[in-house]
Amino acid sequence: MLRLCSRPLERCFGTIRNDVLLWHTDLKQHASGDFSIAVVQANSSLEDQTQVFTSPSATYIGVYDGHGGPEASRFINTHLFGHLHKLASEQGGLSTDVIKKAFGNTEEEFLRIVKRSWPARPQMASVGSCCLVGAITDDVLYVANAGDSRAVLGKKNTGGKRSKPVVAERLSIDHNVGVEEVRKEVEALHPDDSHVVVYTRGVWRIKGIIQVSRSIGDMYLKKPEFNRDPLFQQFGSAVPLKRAVMTAEPSIEIRKIKPQDLFLIFASDGLWEQLTDEAAVDIVFKNPRRGIAKRLVSAALQEAARKREMRYDDIKRIEKGMRRHFHDDISVVVIYLDRHQQQQDSRSDRYIGHSTVDCTNAPVDIFSLNAEEDEEVPLHLGS
């Protein structure tokens, strides 16, 4: 499985059209239905990483939203699912303990990378990533989150004839200190530090630096020795730190998948900055499946353009790096749950036939992938 998830599969499963910073898969199968992925790049280096692992017995979904650089999200992309699979095999299946250990093991391995690179690249201590993971196995859904990416369920509304046919249910907690509940949680853990959360530059931030309270990486906010090192202080001001002010431990939601559960949306906060949970669910419910993740990304970009009194086509012409001033990297995975709408004793041949193991990864960097394809397939313009 580790080899499968690290393969460069981008060209086999995605297409790039119109927007040179956009990549997507129209539709693929997993054991419980179909899925679609789309990613748009805004940063100079893509800091979002996204993947879906499928097998006859389990489906894993990962959305990793990096900050401070792409290194942490890329590391998670090549290591976390391997830990999940290995630990689940050793312990007889998925569980809360397995998921927490997989997050913890990934964090420890990244810490070793930071230590090894310290003399040459001390700034690696300030690289981190939010980490959102979904797992479906034995008709049970696990959602694990560290950071402010989000998982939302679209389900049939059983509230009456006049109600909307589908409603949104949020399945993850946004670990962002802009949320009062999260801010109070952090403050309660640090009663001796009145400045653990500070309002600065228009938002609440931990130590006046970062909005998320959970992540993998960000070692300078977890290990005081990094922060105190003069080598690290060359890259920024020292942060008074007695102990860790962030954690890699995810919050975990477990639920039995029900017949009224229609689909899941896993996305980085770049989507949720532009669309509400309800708006995203409505888009998925009302539109064809093929290319549905791309449709969500396009809706977010249209909203970003509207806020700046621009056209969507204007946004698409803005280059990477500069584009970050208009929207964030956006990653979206839509997972349909068809099997659970069928009679439990009559599985269709389509799902019985899903006997392969596969791992679909979005490109490590969309701009670079597109540039390579441009070189390989020259564009000939008419005279």
Protein backbone atom coordinates (compact mmCIF):
# COMPACT_ATOMS: atom_id res chain seq x y z
CA MET A 1 0.00 0.00 0.00
CA LEU A 2 2.84 2.41 0.81
CA ARG A 3 4.26 1.96 -2.69
CA LEU A 4 0.83 2.44 -4.22
CA CYS A 5 0.16 5.71 -2.43
CA SER A 6 3.50 7.19 -3.41
CA ARG A 7 3.23 6.45 -7.12
CA PRO A 8 3.07 9.46 -9.49
CA LEU A 9 -0.50 8.77 -10.68
CA GLU A 10 -1.49 12.30 -11.58
CA ARG A 11 -1.47 11.84 -15.33
CA CYS A 12 -3.57 8.71 -15.24
CA PHE A 13 -6.46 10.14 -13.33
CA GLY A 14 -6.73 13.87 -13.85
CA THR A 15 -7.21 16.45 -16.53
CA ILE A 16 -6.32 20.12 -16.76
CA ARG A 17 -8.56 22.44 -18.73
CA ASN A 18 -8.93 26.21 -19.01
CA ASP A 19 -7.28 27.12 -15.69
CA VAL A 20 -3.58 26.20 -15.65
CA LEU A 21 -3.71 26.02 -11.85
CA LEU A 22 -6.68 23.62 -11.71
CA TRP A 23 -6.57 19.81 -11.64
CA HIS A 24 -9.46 17.37 -11.24
CA THR A 25 -10.73 13.82 -11.63
CA ASP A 26 -14.22 13.62 -13.07
CA LEU A 27 -15.33 10.37 -11.43
CA LYS A 28 -13.85 7.16 -10.07
CA GLN A 29 -15.21 4.26 -8.01
CA HIS A 30 -14.74 3.18 -4.44
CA ALA A 31 -16.39 0.33 -2.56
CA SER A 32 -19.38 2.44 -1.49
CA GLY A 33 -19.99 4.48 -4.64
CA ASP A 34 -18.22 7.12 -6.73
CA PHE A 35 -15.77 9.86 -5.84
CA SER A 36 -14.42 13.01 -7.46
CA ILE A 37 -11.42 15.23 -6.64
CA ALA A 38 -10.46 18.77 -7.61
CA VAL A 39 -7.61 21.04 -6.54
CA VAL A 40 -6.76 24.62 -7.48
CA GLN A 41 -3.39 26.15 -6.67
CA ALA A 42 -2.99 29.72 -5.40
CA ASN A 43 0.40 29.65 -3.65
CA SER A 44 3.78 29.68 -5.39
CA SER A 45 4.14 26.06 -4.27
CA LEU A 46 0.95 24.05 -3.78
CA GLU A 47 0.57 23.59 -0.02
CA ASP A 48 -2.58 21.43 -0.21
CA GLN A 49 -2.14 17.69 -0.77
CA THR A 50 -5.05 15.34 -1.39
CA GLN A 51 -5.47 11.58 -1.82
CA VAL A 52 -8.06 8.78 -1.84
CA PHE A 53 -7.14 5.15 -1.14
CA THR A 54 -9.67 2.51 -2.22
CA SER A 55 -9.92 -1.23 -1.61
CA PRO A 56 -12.78 -3.73 -1.36
CA SER A 57 -12.84 -3.37 2.43
CA ALA A 58 -11.93 0.29 3.11
CA THR A 59 -11.82 3.76 1.65
CA TYR A 60 -9.47 6.41 3.07
CA ILE A 61 -9.73 10.12 2.23
CA GLY A 62 -6.99 12.62 3.07
CA VAL A 63 -6.92 16.41 2.75
CA TYR A 64 -3.74 18.05 4.08
CA ASP A 65 -3.60 21.85 4.11
CA GLY A 66 -0.03 23.00 4.63
CA HIS A 67 1.26 26.34 5.90
CA GLY A 68 4.74 27.84 6.07
CA GLY A 69 5.67 25.71 3.05
CA PRO A 70 4.62 22.46 1.34
CA GLU A 71 6.97 20.08 3.16
CA ALA A 72 4.66 18.94 5.98
CA SER A 73 1.61 18.30 3.78
CA ARG A 74 3.75 16.39 1.27
CA PHE A 75 5.25 14.32 4.08
CA ILE A 76 1.80 13.42 5.43
CA ASN A 77 0.70 12.53 1.91
CA THR A 78 3.35 9.82 1.67
CA HIS A 79 3.27 8.49 5.25
CA LEU A 80 -0.08 8.78 7.06
CA PHE A 81 -2.11 6.20 5.11
CA GLY A 82 0.72 3.70 5.50
CA HIS A 83 0.59 4.08 9.27
CA LEU A 84 -3.21 3.78 9.26
CA HIS A 85 -3.14 0.61 7.17
CA LYS A 86 -0.34 -1.02 9.17
CA LEU A 87 -1.84 -0.23 12.57
CA ALA A 88 -5.34 -1.29 11.51
CA SER A 89 -3.94 -4.61 10.25
CA GLU A 90 -2.02 -5.21 13.48
CA GLN A 91 -4.92 -4.29 15.77
CA GLY A 92 -7.76 -6.00 13.94
CA GLY A 93 -9.32 -2.97 12.29
CA LEU A 94 -9.75 0.76 12.57
CA SER A 95 -10.43 2.42 15.90
CA THR A 96 -10.01 5.77 17.61
CA ASP A 97 -6.76 4.49 19.12
CA VAL A 98 -5.42 3.37 15.72
CA ILE A 99 -6.16 6.75 14.14
CA LYS A 100 -4.58 8.72 16.99
CA LYS A 101 -1.48 6.52 16.86
CA ALA A 102 -1.22 7.01 13.08
CA PHE A 103 -1.34 10.80 13.52
CA GLY A 104 1.18 10.57 16.37
CA ASN A 105 3.58 8.36 14.40
CA THR A 106 3.44 10.73 11.43
CA GLU A 107 4.15 13.67 13.72
CA GLU A 108 7.14 11.89 15.28
CA GLU A 109 8.59 11.01 11.89
CA PHE A 110 8.25 14.59 10.69
CA LEU A 111 9.92 15.77 13.89
CA ARG A 112 12.91 13.58 13.00
CA ILE A 113 13.03 15.24 9.57
CA VAL A 114 13.05 18.67 11.23
CA LYS A 115 15.89 17.64 13.55
CA ARG A 116 17.98 16.19 10.72
CA SER A 117 17.57 19.29 8.57
CA TRP A 118 18.10 21.71 11.46
CA PRO A 119 21.67 22.94 10.70
CA ALA A 120 20.87 23.71 7.05
CA ARG A 121 17.15 24.54 7.27
CA PRO A 122 16.06 25.57 10.78
CA GLN A 123 12.96 27.20 9.24
CA MET A 124 11.55 23.67 8.77
CA ALA A 125 10.51 23.95 12.43
CA SER A 126 7.86 26.48 11.36
CA VAL A 127 6.35 24.31 8.61
CA GLY A 128 3.09 22.52 9.42
CA SER A 129 -0.12 21.14 8.01
CA CYS A 130 -3.75 20.70 8.94
CA CYS A 131 -4.78 17.09 8.55
CA LEU A 132 -8.31 15.84 7.71
CA VAL A 133 -8.85 12.12 7.25
CA GLY A 134 -11.96 10.09 6.49
CA ALA A 135 -12.20 6.30 6.62
CA ILE A 136 -15.10 4.08 5.59
CA THR A 137 -15.00 0.43 6.59
CA ASP A 138 -17.73 -2.07 7.52
CA ASP A 139 -20.42 0.62 6.98
CA VAL A 140 -18.78 2.79 9.65
CA LEU A 141 -17.43 6.28 8.95
CA TYR A 142 -14.49 7.75 10.86
CA VAL A 143 -13.63 11.44 10.49
CA ALA A 144 -10.39 12.61 12.12
CA ASN A 145 -9.36 16.24 12.02
CA ALA A 146 -6.46 18.35 13.24
CA GLY A 147 -6.85 21.91 11.93
CA ASP A 148 -9.56 23.78 10.08
CA SER A 149 -10.23 21.65 7.02
CA ARG A 150 -13.77 20.30 7.16
CA ALA A 151 -15.92 17.27 6.42
CA VAL A 152 -19.63 17.79 5.69
CA LEU A 153 -22.32 15.16 5.14
CA GLY A 154 -25.20 15.62 2.71
CA LYS A 155 -28.20 13.56 3.82
CA LYS A 156 -31.87 13.22 2.97
CA ASN A 157 -34.09 15.49 4.99
CA THR A 158 -36.80 13.58 6.81
CA GLY A 159 -38.36 16.74 8.26
CA GLY A 160 -41.49 16.86 6.09
CA LYS A 161 -42.74 17.64 2.59
CA ARG A 162 -42.04 21.35 2.72
CA SER A 163 -38.49 20.93 3.92
CA LYS A 164 -35.42 20.95 1.68
CA PRO A 165 -34.74 17.51 0.20
CA VAL A 166 -31.17 17.44 1.49
CA VAL A 167 -29.50 18.96 4.56
CA ALA A 168 -25.88 19.48 5.61
CA GLU A 169 -24.35 18.00 8.75
CA ARG A 170 -20.85 19.03 9.78
CA LEU A 171 -18.78 16.05 10.88
CA SER A 172 -15.59 17.77 12.00
CA ILE A 173 -14.53 20.52 14.38
CA ASP A 174 -12.71 23.56 12.98
CA HIS A 175 -9.68 23.82 15.27
CA ASN A 176 -9.35 27.54 14.67
CA VAL A 177 -9.11 30.00 17.56
CA GLY A 178 -11.44 32.30 15.64
CA VAL A 179 -14.11 29.91 16.94
CA GLU A 180 -14.93 30.97 20.50
CA GLU A 181 -15.23 27.40 21.79
CA VAL A 182 -11.79 26.49 20.44
CA ARG A 183 -10.28 29.73 21.77
CA LYS A 184 -11.62 28.99 25.26
CA GLU A 185 -10.27 25.44 25.04
CA VAL A 186 -6.76 26.73 24.32
CA GLU A 187 -6.96 29.37 27.05
CA ALA A 188 -8.17 26.78 29.57
CA LEU A 189 -5.13 24.61 28.80
CA HIS A 190 -2.79 27.55 29.52
CA PRO A 191 -4.21 29.37 32.56
CA ASP A 192 -0.75 30.78 33.39
CA ASP A 193 -0.34 32.40 29.95
CA SER A 194 -2.60 35.38 29.39
CA HIS A 195 -1.15 35.88 25.90
CA VAL A 196 -1.55 32.35 24.57
CA VAL A 197 -4.24 33.69 22.20
CA VAL A 198 -3.93 37.25 20.88
CA TYR A 199 -6.17 39.31 18.59
CA THR A 200 -3.93 40.70 15.87
CA ARG A 201 -4.22 41.62 12.18
CA GLY A 202 -7.98 41.29 12.35
CA VAL A 203 -8.18 37.73 13.71
CA TRP A 204 -7.42 35.66 16.82
CA ARG A 205 -4.07 33.86 16.69
CA ILE A 206 -2.11 31.55 18.98
CA LYS A 207 0.85 33.60 20.22
CA GLY A 208 -0.19 36.19 17.66
CA ILE A 209 1.08 33.86 14.89
CA ILE A 210 -1.23 31.06 13.79
CA GLN A 211 -4.99 30.56 13.76
CA VAL A 212 -5.20 26.76 13.97
CA SER A 213 -4.70 25.02 17.30
CA ARG A 214 -3.97 21.53 15.97
CA SER A 215 -1.65 20.39 13.19
CA ILE A 216 1.15 18.05 12.22
CA GLY A 217 4.43 19.95 12.29
CA ASP A 218 4.77 23.54 13.59
CA MET A 219 7.45 22.18 15.91
CA TYR A 220 8.56 25.65 17.06
CA LEU A 221 5.16 25.99 18.79
CA LYS A 222 5.38 22.51 20.30
CA LYS A 223 9.04 22.19 21.30
CA PRO A 224 10.41 25.22 23.21
CA GLU A 225 14.01 24.18 22.45
CA PHE A 226 13.54 24.99 18.75
CA ASN A 227 12.17 28.41 19.53
CA ARG A 228 15.00 29.28 21.90
CA ASP A 229 17.76 28.25 19.50
CA PRO A 230 19.62 31.32 18.12
CA LEU A 231 19.80 29.60 14.74
CA PHE A 232 15.99 29.61 14.48
CA GLN A 233 15.71 33.16 15.81
CA GLN A 234 17.54 34.40 12.71
CA PHE A 235 14.28 33.74 10.82
CA GLY A 236 11.90 35.52 13.20
CA SER A 237 11.28 36.86 16.66
CA ALA A 238 11.50 34.51 19.61
CA VAL A 239 8.13 33.36 20.96
CA PRO A 240 7.90 33.04 24.78
CA LEU A 241 7.01 29.37 25.19
CA LYS A 242 6.97 27.27 28.36
CA ARG A 243 5.37 24.22 26.75
CA ALA A 244 3.52 23.21 23.60
CA VAL A 245 0.67 25.51 22.56
CA MET A 246 -0.45 23.25 19.69
CA THR A 247 -1.11 19.51 19.38
CA ALA A 248 -1.22 16.89 16.63
CA GLU A 249 -3.99 14.89 18.32
CA PRO A 250 -7.10 14.83 16.11
CA SER A 251 -10.70 15.12 17.14
CA ILE A 252 -12.54 12.02 15.90
CA GLU A 253 -16.16 11.49 14.91
CA ILE A 254 -17.51 7.93 14.44
CA ARG A 255 -20.91 7.12 12.98
CA LYS A 256 -22.72 4.24 11.35
CA ILE A 257 -23.57 5.12 7.76
CA LYS A 258 -27.35 5.30 7.38
CA PRO A 259 -29.59 4.88 4.29
CA GLN A 260 -30.34 8.63 4.27
CA ASP A 261 -26.63 9.52 4.07
CA LEU A 262 -26.04 10.51 0.43
CA PHE A 263 -22.51 11.93 0.10
CA LEU A 264 -19.56 13.44 1.92
CA ILE A 265 -17.54 16.57 1.13
CA PHE A 266 -13.96 16.73 2.44
CA ALA A 267 -12.26 20.05 1.74
CA SER A 268 -9.52 22.40 2.90
CA ASP A 269 -10.58 25.71 4.40
CA GLY A 270 -10.05 27.40 1.04
CA LEU A 271 -13.47 26.06 0.02
CA TRP A 272 -15.23 26.91 3.28
CA GLU A 273 -13.93 30.49 3.20
CA GLN A 274 -16.10 30.97 0.11
CA LEU A 275 -19.05 28.56 0.53
CA THR A 276 -21.27 27.61 3.46
CA ASP A 277 -21.85 23.97 4.33
CA GLU A 278 -25.42 24.25 3.02
CA ALA A 279 -24.39 25.88 -0.27
CA ALA A 280 -21.82 23.18 -0.96
CA VAL A 281 -24.28 20.38 -0.20
CA ASP A 282 -26.91 21.96 -2.46
CA ILE A 283 -24.44 22.15 -5.35
CA VAL A 284 -23.54 18.48 -5.03
CA PHE A 285 -27.18 17.40 -4.70
CA LYS A 286 -28.49 19.41 -7.65
CA ASN A 287 -25.78 18.69 -10.21
CA PRO A 288 -24.47 15.69 -12.19
CA ARG A 289 -21.80 13.59 -10.53
CA ARG A 290 -19.20 13.79 -13.25
CA GLY A 291 -16.83 16.61 -12.40
CA ILE A 292 -18.73 17.51 -9.22
CA ALA A 293 -15.60 18.35 -7.19
CA LYS A 294 -14.47 20.71 -9.95
CA ARG A 295 -17.93 22.31 -9.89
CA LEU A 296 -17.50 23.04 -6.16
CA VAL A 297 -14.07 24.56 -6.73
CA SER A 298 -15.45 26.67 -9.58
CA ALA A 299 -18.29 27.91 -7.37
CA ALA A 300 -15.75 28.93 -4.72
CA LEU A 301 -13.64 30.76 -7.31
CA GLN A 302 -16.70 32.54 -8.65
CA GLU A 303 -17.52 33.70 -5.14
CA ALA A 304 -13.92 34.85 -4.58
CA ALA A 305 -14.14 36.83 -7.83
CA ARG A 306 -17.51 38.33 -6.87
CA LYS A 307 -16.09 39.59 -3.56
CA ARG A 308 -13.37 41.45 -5.47
CA GLU A 309 -15.81 42.69 -8.14
CA MET A 310 -14.00 40.64 -10.76
CA ARG A 311 -15.00 38.02 -13.30
CA TYR A 312 -14.12 34.36 -12.86
CA ASP A 313 -12.09 34.51 -16.09
CA ASP A 314 -10.01 37.31 -14.55
CA ILE A 315 -9.16 35.12 -11.54
CA LYS A 316 -8.04 32.30 -13.84
CA ARG A 317 -5.47 34.53 -15.51
CA ILE A 318 -3.72 35.45 -12.24
CA GLU A 319 -0.44 33.61 -11.71
CA LYS A 320 0.48 31.38 -8.79
CA GLY A 321 1.74 33.31 -5.79
CA MET A 322 -0.15 36.46 -6.74
CA ARG A 323 -3.30 34.38 -6.82
CA ARG A 324 -3.02 33.85 -3.05
CA HIS A 325 -4.18 37.45 -2.56
CA PHE A 326 -7.55 36.44 -4.03
CA HIS A 327 -8.12 32.92 -2.68
CA ASP A 328 -6.31 30.09 -0.91
CA ASP A 329 -5.29 26.72 -2.31
CA ILE A 330 -8.54 24.75 -2.49
CA SER A 331 -8.84 20.95 -2.31
CA VAL A 332 -12.15 19.09 -2.54
CA VAL A 333 -13.09 15.40 -2.42
CA VAL A 334 -16.74 14.36 -2.91
CA ILE A 335 -17.56 10.81 -1.81
CA TYR A 336 -20.93 9.32 -2.81
CA LEU A 337 -22.46 6.64 -0.57
CA ASP A 338 -24.71 4.76 -3.02
CA ARG A 339 -24.33 1.31 -1.59
CA HIS A 340 -26.07 2.34 1.61
CA GLN A 341 -29.19 3.40 -0.29
CA GLN A 342 -29.69 -0.10 -1.70
CA GLN A 343 -31.34 -3.12 -0.14
CA GLN A 344 -28.81 -4.60 2.28
CA ASP A 345 -29.25 -8.05 0.77
CA SER A 346 -28.82 -6.98 -2.89
CA ARG A 347 -25.47 -5.45 -3.68
CA SER A 348 -25.10 -4.56 -7.35
CA ASP A 349 -22.49 -6.19 -9.59
CA ARG A 350 -20.82 -2.81 -9.80
CA TYR A 351 -19.69 -2.94 -6.20
CA ILE A 352 -18.98 -6.65 -6.17
CA GLY A 353 -16.66 -5.94 -9.09
CA HIS A 354 -14.71 -3.33 -7.14
CA SER A 355 -11.95 -5.70 -6.06
CA THR A 356 -8.87 -3.62 -6.80
CA VAL A 357 -6.63 -1.62 -4.49
CA ASP A 358 -5.84 1.87 -5.73
CA CYS A 359 -4.56 5.20 -4.47
CA THR A 360 -5.34 8.43 -6.32
CA ASN A 361 -3.13 11.39 -5.48
CA ALA A 362 -3.68 14.94 -6.64
CA PRO A 363 -0.51 16.48 -8.14
CA VAL A 364 2.21 17.59 -5.76
CA ASP A 365 2.24 20.89 -7.69
CA ILE A 366 -0.36 21.66 -10.34
CA PHE A 367 1.55 24.40 -12.14
CA SER A 368 4.61 22.18 -12.52
CA LEU A 369 2.52 19.27 -13.81
CA ASN A 370 0.82 21.48 -16.37
CA ALA A 371 4.13 23.00 -17.48
CA GLU A 372 5.54 19.51 -18.06
CA GLU A 373 2.50 18.53 -20.12
CA ASP A 374 2.83 21.71 -22.16
CA GLU A 375 6.41 20.74 -22.98
CA GLU A 376 5.45 17.22 -24.00
CA VAL A 377 2.44 18.20 -26.11
CA PRO A 378 3.33 21.41 -28.00
CA LEU A 379 0.48 23.75 -28.83
CA HIS A 380 0.37 24.55 -32.56
CA LEU A 381 -1.49 27.74 -33.44
CA GLY A 382 -2.96 28.32 -36.86
CA SER A 383 -1.14 30.78 -39.10
